[in-house]
Protein backbone atom coordinates (compact mmCIF):
# COMPACT_ATOMS: atom_id res chain seq x y z
CA MET A 1 45.43 262.80 233.77
CA ALA A 2 46.17 259.49 235.46
CA ALA A 3 46.88 256.50 233.22
CA SER A 4 44.35 254.40 235.10
CA SER A 5 41.55 256.68 233.94
CA LEU A 6 42.32 255.74 230.30
CA THR A 7 42.34 252.00 230.90
CA PRO A 8 39.07 250.06 230.39
CA ALA A 9 37.68 248.10 233.31
CA ASP A 10 38.58 244.80 231.62
CA GLY A 11 42.27 245.80 231.52
CA ARG A 12 42.54 245.63 227.71
CA ALA A 13 43.56 248.52 225.47
CA PRO A 14 40.63 250.13 223.59
CA GLY A 15 42.01 249.07 220.21
CA LEU A 16 42.37 245.44 221.28
CA ARG A 17 38.88 245.41 222.71
CA THR A 18 37.54 246.74 219.38
CA VAL A 19 39.32 244.01 217.43
CA ARG A 20 37.95 241.33 219.75
CA SER A 21 34.42 242.62 219.14
CA TRP A 22 34.58 242.18 215.35
CA ARG A 23 31.76 240.06 213.96
CA LEU A 24 34.38 238.18 211.97
CA TRP A 25 35.24 236.09 215.04
CA SER A 26 31.70 234.73 215.21
CA VAL A 27 32.19 232.94 211.89
CA PRO A 28 32.63 229.13 212.11
CA PRO A 29 36.33 228.12 212.21
CA LYS A 30 36.52 226.58 208.73
CA ALA A 31 34.88 229.60 207.11
CA LEU A 32 37.07 231.93 209.18
CA ALA A 33 40.19 230.12 207.95
CA LEU A 34 39.03 230.47 204.35
CA ILE A 35 38.27 234.19 204.76
CA ILE A 36 41.58 235.06 206.39
CA GLY A 37 43.57 232.76 204.12
CA LEU A 38 42.03 234.14 200.93
CA GLU A 39 42.54 237.75 202.00
CA LEU A 40 46.22 237.09 202.78
CA ILE A 41 46.64 235.35 199.42
CA THR A 42 44.91 238.26 197.70
CA LEU A 43 47.25 240.77 199.33
CA LEU A 44 50.31 238.74 198.30
CA ALA A 45 49.00 238.17 194.76
CA THR A 46 48.27 241.87 194.31
CA VAL A 47 51.77 242.86 195.39
CA LEU A 48 53.35 240.21 193.13
CA SER A 49 51.25 241.28 190.16
CA LEU A 50 52.38 244.88 190.60
CA VAL A 51 56.03 243.86 190.91
CA THR A 52 56.01 241.51 187.92
CA SER A 53 54.23 244.01 185.63
CA TYR A 54 56.27 247.03 186.76
CA SER A 55 57.39 247.91 183.22
CA ASP A 56 53.82 247.78 181.89
CA TRP A 57 51.94 249.82 184.44
CA LEU A 58 54.26 252.82 184.54
CA THR A 59 52.86 254.14 181.27
CA TRP A 60 50.51 257.01 180.53
CA SER A 61 48.15 254.75 178.58
CA ALA A 62 47.74 252.21 181.38
CA THR A 63 47.36 254.89 184.04
CA THR A 64 44.70 256.68 181.98
CA ARG A 65 42.71 253.48 181.47
CA LEU A 66 42.85 252.70 185.17
CA ALA A 67 41.70 256.21 186.06
CA VAL A 68 38.80 256.13 183.57
CA LEU A 69 37.47 252.76 184.77
CA LEU A 70 37.83 253.73 188.41
CA LEU A 71 36.06 257.07 187.90
CA LEU A 72 33.24 255.37 186.00
CA SER A 73 32.84 252.82 188.81
CA ILE A 74 32.66 255.63 191.37
CA ALA A 75 30.09 257.50 189.27
CA TYR A 76 28.03 254.33 188.90
CA SER A 77 28.20 253.63 192.64
CA GLU A 78 27.03 257.16 193.48
CA ILE A 79 24.21 257.13 190.94
CA THR A 80 22.84 253.72 191.88
CA HIS A 81 23.54 253.43 195.61
CA ARG A 82 19.83 253.64 196.46
CA MET A 83 18.95 250.89 194.00
CA GLN A 84 21.80 248.72 195.26
CA ARG A 85 20.64 249.23 198.82
CA MET A 86 17.15 248.16 197.80
CA ARG A 87 18.55 245.05 196.08
CA ARG A 88 20.35 244.05 199.26
CA TYR A 89 17.25 244.75 201.33
CA LEU A 90 15.23 242.48 199.04
CA GLY A 91 17.83 239.75 199.38
CA GLY A 92 20.00 240.48 196.36
CA ALA A 93 21.86 237.57 194.81
CA VAL A 94 25.01 236.85 196.73
CA LEU A 95 26.86 235.47 193.75
CA VAL A 96 26.30 238.36 191.36
CA GLY A 97 27.49 241.93 191.58
CA LEU A 98 27.67 244.50 188.81
CA HIS A 99 31.22 245.35 189.92
CA SER A 100 32.20 242.55 187.54
CA VAL A 101 31.70 244.97 184.64
CA TRP A 102 34.68 247.08 185.70
CA ALA A 103 36.74 244.12 186.86
CA PHE A 104 36.41 242.23 183.59
CA ALA A 105 36.97 245.35 181.50
CA GLY A 106 40.20 245.72 183.47
CA VAL A 107 41.14 242.13 182.63
CA LEU A 108 40.96 242.99 178.93
CA ILE A 109 42.69 246.39 178.74
CA LEU A 110 44.88 246.80 181.84
CA PRO A 111 48.22 245.28 182.90
CA ILE A 112 47.75 242.53 185.48
CA GLY A 113 48.91 244.73 188.37
CA TYR A 114 46.54 247.52 187.48
CA SER A 115 43.69 245.00 187.12
CA ALA A 116 44.11 244.11 190.79
CA VAL A 117 44.45 247.78 191.80
CA LEU A 118 41.23 248.61 189.93
CA VAL A 119 39.22 245.98 191.82
CA CYS A 120 40.72 247.11 195.13
CA GLY A 121 39.71 250.68 194.33
CA VAL A 122 36.19 249.69 193.29
CA PHE A 123 35.61 247.75 196.50
CA ALA A 124 37.24 250.43 198.64
CA VAL A 125 34.59 252.85 197.39
CA ALA A 126 31.88 250.21 197.95
CA ALA A 127 33.19 249.58 201.47
CA MET A 128 32.96 253.28 202.36
CA ARG A 129 29.40 253.40 201.08
CA ARG A 130 28.46 250.18 202.88
CA ARG A 131 30.08 251.43 206.09
CA GLN A 132 27.60 254.30 206.10
CA GLN A 133 24.87 251.68 205.91
CA LYS A 134 26.50 249.65 208.74
CA ALA A 135 27.21 246.65 206.53
CA VAL A 136 29.24 243.70 207.82
CA ALA A 137 32.84 244.67 206.99
CA TYR A 138 34.34 241.21 206.54
CA ARG A 139 31.71 240.31 203.93
CA VAL A 140 32.63 243.32 201.82
CA THR A 141 36.37 242.64 202.07
CA TYR A 142 35.95 238.93 201.33
CA THR A 143 33.79 239.67 198.29
CA GLY A 144 36.44 242.09 197.09
CA ALA A 145 39.14 239.48 197.62
CA THR A 146 37.25 236.90 195.56
CA VAL A 147 36.90 239.36 192.67
CA VAL A 148 40.61 240.27 192.84
CA ILE A 149 41.62 236.59 192.70
CA ALA A 150 39.12 235.93 189.87
CA THR A 151 40.44 238.97 187.98
CA LEU A 152 44.08 237.91 188.30
CA ALA A 153 43.26 234.33 187.29
CA ALA A 154 41.25 235.52 184.27
CA LYS A 155 44.14 237.75 183.21
CA VAL A 156 46.61 234.87 183.50
CA VAL A 157 44.30 232.57 181.51
CA ALA A 158 43.81 235.16 178.75
CA THR A 159 47.56 235.74 178.50
CA ALA A 160 48.45 232.05 178.55
CA ILE A 161 45.92 230.85 176.00
CA GLN A 162 46.71 233.26 173.18
CA PRO A 163 50.11 231.75 172.22
CA ARG A 164 48.56 228.27 172.21
CA ILE A 165 45.93 229.21 169.63
CA ALA A 166 48.02 231.67 167.62
CA THR A 167 47.49 229.69 164.42
CA LEU A 168 43.79 230.56 164.40
CA PRO A 169 42.44 233.70 162.70
CA ALA A 170 42.95 236.86 164.75
CA GLY A 171 39.23 237.22 165.51
CA ALA A 172 38.96 233.62 166.70
CA VAL A 173 42.00 234.04 168.96
CA THR A 174 40.45 237.11 170.59
CA ALA A 175 37.05 235.44 170.98
CA MET A 176 38.51 232.29 172.56
CA ALA A 177 40.75 234.27 174.89
CA ILE A 178 37.85 236.42 176.07
CA THR A 179 35.49 233.46 176.46
CA THR A 180 38.02 231.36 178.37
CA SER A 181 39.02 234.18 180.69
CA ALA A 182 35.35 235.03 181.32
CA ALA A 183 34.66 231.40 182.25
CA ALA A 184 37.66 231.40 184.60
CA PHE A 185 36.51 234.66 186.19
CA PHE A 186 33.00 233.37 186.81
CA LEU A 187 33.96 229.90 188.02
CA ILE A 188 36.64 231.05 190.47
CA ASN A 189 34.50 233.85 191.89
CA THR A 190 31.48 231.55 192.23
CA VAL A 191 33.39 228.68 193.84
CA LEU A 192 35.00 230.97 196.43
CA VAL A 193 31.69 232.62 197.35
CA ILE A 194 29.74 229.35 197.48
CA GLY A 195 32.54 227.75 199.47
CA VAL A 196 32.50 230.29 202.28
CA ILE A 197 28.69 230.32 202.42
CA TYR A 198 28.68 226.52 202.64
CA LEU A 199 31.22 226.50 205.47
CA ALA A 200 29.53 229.35 207.34
CA SER A 201 25.89 228.34 206.97
CA GLY A 202 26.09 224.59 207.43
CA ALA A 203 24.03 223.99 204.30
CA HIS A 204 23.10 220.37 203.61
CA SER A 205 24.72 220.36 200.16
CA LEU A 206 26.54 222.61 197.73
CA THR A 207 23.85 222.12 195.10
CA GLU A 208 21.30 224.14 197.06
CA LEU A 209 23.68 227.12 196.94
CA LEU A 210 24.19 227.05 193.18
CA PRO A 211 23.03 230.22 191.38
CA ALA A 212 19.58 230.29 189.83
CA LYS A 213 19.02 230.87 186.13
CA GLU A 214 18.26 234.53 186.77
CA GLU A 215 21.57 234.98 188.60
CA LEU A 216 23.47 233.24 185.82
CA GLY A 217 21.82 235.52 183.28
CA LEU A 218 22.73 238.61 185.27
CA GLU A 219 26.35 237.47 185.65
CA LEU A 220 26.58 236.78 181.92
CA ALA A 221 25.20 240.25 181.21
CA THR A 222 27.80 241.89 183.46
CA LEU A 223 30.63 240.04 181.72
CA VAL A 224 29.29 241.02 178.30
CA LEU A 225 29.08 244.63 179.47
CA GLY A 226 32.67 244.35 180.64
CA VAL A 227 33.71 243.27 177.12
CA MET A 228 31.71 246.13 175.62
CA THR A 229 33.29 248.65 177.99
CA ALA A 230 36.79 247.53 177.03
CA ASP A 231 35.98 247.53 173.31
CA ILE A 232 34.33 250.96 173.37
CA TYR A 233 37.29 252.41 175.26
CA LEU A 234 39.79 251.04 172.74
CA ARG A 235 37.79 252.24 169.72
CA LEU A 236 36.02 255.42 170.87
CA ALA A 237 37.25 256.29 174.36
CA TRP A 238 35.03 259.36 174.64
CA LEU A 239 31.92 257.14 174.34
CA THR A 240 32.90 254.92 177.29
CA PRO A 241 30.64 256.77 179.80
CA THR A 242 27.60 255.65 177.76
CA VAL A 243 28.11 252.20 179.31
CA LEU A 244 26.67 253.70 182.48
CA ILE A 245 23.29 253.97 180.73
CA LEU A 246 23.29 250.24 179.93
CA MET A 247 24.33 249.43 183.49
CA LEU A 248 21.55 251.57 184.91
CA LEU A 249 19.02 249.74 182.72
CA LEU A 250 20.42 246.37 183.83
CA GLN A 251 20.32 247.43 187.48
CA ARG A 252 16.76 248.65 187.14
CA SER A 253 15.66 245.46 185.38
CA SER A 254 17.23 243.36 188.12
CA LEU A 255 15.54 245.42 190.83
CA VAL A 256 12.14 245.14 189.14
CA SER A 257 12.55 241.36 188.97
CA GLN A 258 13.42 241.23 192.67
CA LEU A 259 10.42 243.39 193.55
CA GLU A 260 8.16 241.04 191.61
CA VAL A 261 9.62 238.03 193.43
CA ALA A 262 9.33 239.77 196.81
CA ALA A 263 5.68 240.60 196.13
CA ALA A 264 4.95 236.91 195.51
CA THR A 265 7.07 235.42 198.30
CA ASP A 266 6.38 234.58 201.93
CA ALA A 267 9.17 236.16 203.98
CA LYS A 268 9.45 233.44 206.65
CA THR A 269 9.64 230.40 204.37
CA GLY A 270 10.73 231.65 200.96
CA LEU A 271 7.71 229.92 199.40
CA LEU A 272 4.96 231.60 197.41
CA ASN A 273 2.40 233.59 199.35
CA ALA A 274 -1.29 232.74 199.18
CA ALA A 275 -2.21 235.31 196.53
CA ALA A 276 0.62 234.34 194.17
CA TRP A 277 -0.15 230.64 194.65
CA GLN A 278 -3.82 231.09 193.86
CA GLU A 279 -3.03 233.00 190.67
CA LEU A 280 -0.50 230.41 189.53
CA SER A 281 -2.62 227.39 190.43
CA GLN A 282 -5.64 228.90 188.66
CA ARG A 283 -3.59 229.14 185.44
CA GLU A 284 -2.36 225.58 185.84
CA LEU A 285 -5.88 224.29 186.47
CA LEU A 286 -7.13 225.98 183.30
CA ARG A 287 -4.30 224.33 181.37
CA ALA A 288 -5.21 220.95 182.89
CA GLN A 289 -8.83 221.46 181.84
CA ARG A 290 -7.83 222.26 178.25
CA GLU A 291 -5.57 219.20 178.05
CA GLY A 292 -7.83 216.86 179.99
CA ALA A 293 -5.03 216.21 182.49
CA PRO A 294 -5.50 215.44 186.20
CA CYS A 295 -4.14 217.62 189.02
CA ALA A 296 -4.32 217.78 192.80
CA VAL A 297 -4.29 220.18 195.74
CA LEU A 298 -2.68 219.30 199.07
CA LEU A 299 -3.57 221.38 202.12
CA MET A 300 -1.20 220.78 205.04
CA ASP A 301 -1.30 221.97 208.63
CA LEU A 302 1.43 221.54 211.27
CA ASP A 303 0.27 219.52 214.26
CA HIS A 304 0.21 221.31 217.64
CA PHE A 305 1.96 224.39 216.27
CA LYS A 306 0.56 226.60 219.03
CA ARG A 307 2.23 224.33 221.54
CA VAL A 308 5.58 224.86 219.78
CA ASN A 309 5.20 228.63 220.01
CA ASP A 310 4.00 228.58 223.62
CA THR A 311 6.60 226.19 225.01
CA ALA A 312 9.65 226.75 222.82
CA GLY A 313 9.16 230.37 221.78
CA HIS A 314 8.25 232.15 218.57
CA LEU A 315 11.79 231.85 217.20
CA ALA A 316 11.40 228.08 217.36
CA GLY A 317 8.04 228.47 215.65
CA ASP A 318 9.64 230.47 212.85
CA ALA A 319 12.38 227.82 212.57
CA ALA A 320 9.69 225.15 212.25
CA LEU A 321 7.95 227.04 209.45
CA LYS A 322 11.23 227.47 207.61
CA ALA A 323 12.12 223.80 208.07
CA ILE A 324 8.75 222.77 206.66
CA GLY A 325 9.24 225.07 203.68
CA GLU A 326 12.65 223.52 202.97
CA ALA A 327 11.22 220.01 203.33
CA LEU A 328 8.46 220.75 200.84
CA LYS A 329 10.90 222.17 198.30
CA ARG A 330 13.10 219.10 198.63
CA GLU A 331 10.28 216.58 198.33
CA LEU A 332 8.31 218.22 195.50
CA ARG A 333 9.20 218.74 191.87
CA GLY A 334 10.84 222.04 191.03
CA TYR A 335 7.81 223.25 189.08
CA ASP A 336 5.15 222.33 191.66
CA ALA A 337 3.42 225.39 193.11
CA VAL A 338 3.89 225.40 196.90
CA ALA A 339 2.95 228.22 199.28
CA ARG A 340 2.50 229.15 202.88
CA PHE A 341 -1.24 229.63 203.00
CA GLY A 342 -1.37 231.40 206.33
CA GLY A 343 -0.26 230.72 209.89
CA GLU A 344 0.98 227.13 209.97
CA GLU A 345 -0.90 226.05 206.82
CA PHE A 346 0.79 225.16 203.53
CA VAL A 347 -0.76 224.41 200.16
CA VAL A 348 0.57 222.57 197.11
CA PHE A 349 -0.70 222.33 193.53
CA LEU A 350 0.40 219.16 191.72
CA ASP A 351 -0.16 219.13 187.97
CA ASP A 352 -0.42 215.97 185.84
CA ILE A 353 -0.99 213.86 188.96
CA GLY A 354 -4.03 211.73 189.74
CA LEU A 355 -5.54 210.65 193.04
CA ASP A 356 -3.29 207.69 193.83
CA GLU A 357 -0.08 209.54 192.90
CA ALA A 358 -1.16 212.55 194.96
CA ARG A 359 -1.68 210.30 197.99
CA GLN A 360 1.84 208.89 197.52
CA VAL A 361 3.29 212.41 197.38
CA ALA A 362 1.41 213.33 200.57
CA GLU A 363 2.81 210.26 202.37
CA ARG A 364 6.35 211.11 201.29
CA ILE A 365 5.94 214.65 202.61
CA LEU A 366 4.65 213.35 205.95
CA SER A 367 7.58 210.94 206.20
CA ARG A 368 10.10 213.71 205.56
CA ILE A 369 8.46 216.00 208.14
CA ARG A 370 8.60 213.24 210.78
CA GLY A 371 12.36 213.39 210.46
CA LEU A 372 12.54 217.11 211.23
CA VAL A 373 13.71 218.25 214.66
CA ILE A 374 14.15 221.84 215.87
CA SER A 375 15.67 223.31 219.02
CA GLY A 376 13.68 225.25 221.61
CA LEU A 377 14.71 228.10 223.92
CA ALA A 378 16.13 225.74 226.55
CA GLY A 379 17.85 223.55 223.98
CA GLU A 380 15.10 220.95 224.01
CA ARG A 381 14.59 218.94 220.81
CA ILE A 382 11.14 219.23 219.28
CA SER A 383 9.86 216.77 216.66
CA LEU A 384 7.41 217.93 214.02
CA THR A 385 4.45 216.24 212.37
CA ALA A 386 1.72 217.47 210.06
CA SER A 387 -1.68 216.52 208.72
CA ILE A 388 -2.66 216.70 205.04
CA GLY A 389 -5.95 216.89 203.23
CA LEU A 390 -5.93 216.33 199.49
CA ALA A 391 -8.38 216.83 196.66
CA THR A 392 -8.08 216.16 192.94
CA TYR A 393 -9.46 217.50 189.70
CA PRO A 394 -11.91 216.48 188.38
CA GLN A 395 -13.09 214.12 191.15
CA HIS A 396 -13.48 216.72 193.90
CA GLY A 397 -14.01 220.00 192.05
CA GLU A 398 -13.50 221.96 188.86
CA VAL A 399 -12.31 225.31 190.22
CA ILE A 400 -9.56 226.16 192.67
CA THR A 401 -11.92 227.29 195.41
CA GLN A 402 -13.78 223.96 195.31
CA LEU A 403 -10.53 222.00 195.46
CA ILE A 404 -9.32 224.03 198.43
CA GLU A 405 -12.65 223.54 200.23
CA GLN A 406 -12.53 219.79 199.64
CA ALA A 407 -8.89 219.59 200.73
CA ASP A 408 -9.76 221.58 203.86
CA SER A 409 -12.56 219.13 204.65
CA ALA A 410 -10.12 216.25 204.20
CA LEU A 411 -7.61 218.03 206.46
CA TYR A 412 -10.26 218.33 209.16
CA THR A 413 -10.82 214.57 208.86
CA ALA A 414 -7.08 213.95 209.24
CA LYS A 415 -7.00 216.07 212.40
CA ARG A 416 -9.96 214.23 213.92
CA SER A 417 -8.46 210.85 213.01
CA GLY A 418 -5.32 211.37 215.09
CA ARG A 419 -3.15 213.78 213.04
CA ASP A 420 0.14 212.93 211.27
CA ARG A 421 -1.75 211.44 208.35
CA ALA A 422 -3.17 212.24 204.91
CA GLU A 423 -6.88 211.97 204.14
CA LEU A 424 -9.23 212.37 201.18
CA PRO A 425 -12.51 214.32 201.29
CA PRO A 426 -15.51 212.59 202.85
CA GLY A 427 -17.50 210.68 200.30
CA THR A 428 -14.52 209.68 198.15
CA PRO A 429 -15.34 206.33 196.48
CA SER A 430 -14.16 203.39 198.55
CA GLY A 431 -11.93 202.23 195.73
CA HIS A 432 -9.46 204.88 196.84
CA PRO A 433 -7.67 204.99 200.18
CA GLY A 434 -9.11 207.50 202.61
């Protein structure tokens, strides 16, 4: 066969063309540098850890422990792969993975070289499973690299701290070593993951990428399970597989929580959906009635949203909805109930806020939205504005449906009065701005 028949039309070898098509190269330069740099450092650190602990890892005890933890991780991966796939589909927490159980157990009972080998093995199995699901390869390898680095650092911390606190009782030494190494594991892993997401996504600040309380709780649980796994193995090795039962319960609990969140969340904006908002606001209104506290409802509608969709495309429309959702979350208090009510409408429930304060909140929201700009299909810059109608308890109604109706009437007034403004329901006493 002629050589020319094996050469692609672009003149490049098939292997080179495949490498050039990797999704890795689409990552922003700073994030790409971090990914490649960390993976090279991880490779070097793994080799060095194996070389420096050569006398420790060539023992039957260490090899057996490595084999047991690796086999348990494989069994767990096979048993739970459907649940893990569902977690990822639902938008599973980026910062938390139950692989930390095996990694941290390895920190406590394996030589440093074997600790790194264990994590590499765990993520190699995960990578094969994710490849079947057509996952993005560089994300899997980078996540594995962060866990390897966190594992090695935690091992170094645990080893270094024990001589410094040797005068303490034996139990206190162990507790402090475990606690300090766990903190090092979590902090290093979290910083590396947040760092690459920040560089790749162009997030406004690092604080918006910090893990939520639920994620912190899950990470703490995985580290505690890692300690339990190591302790059970050292005391009653034959009982170690029972840890799988606890991990399955933790995985199931996490999945149920995600399903509950997904059922209450609007997919395009990440805000509450209308049904979840109405249930939550009804509870808050009842509390306000019992305590005699004021509250308010803001109903907001994007101005000329159909024009955005028609002229700039539906992707631009989706971007506008997402931008509005982010603006609302930034401007409101963390506990205010905010939802996408349908189409381009948003609704907010403000507790412990009277009429004048609610009007001030509405004006701040409008001011923030005026500063939003999105890009259209042809690269054109599109400015956004919105109109808001607001109603308060008890002035404008005593049940949620009445407050929504009054806010809707006020919104209609805002639209008729020129848009990009906040209005109160018709008939509001003249002592209040309208």
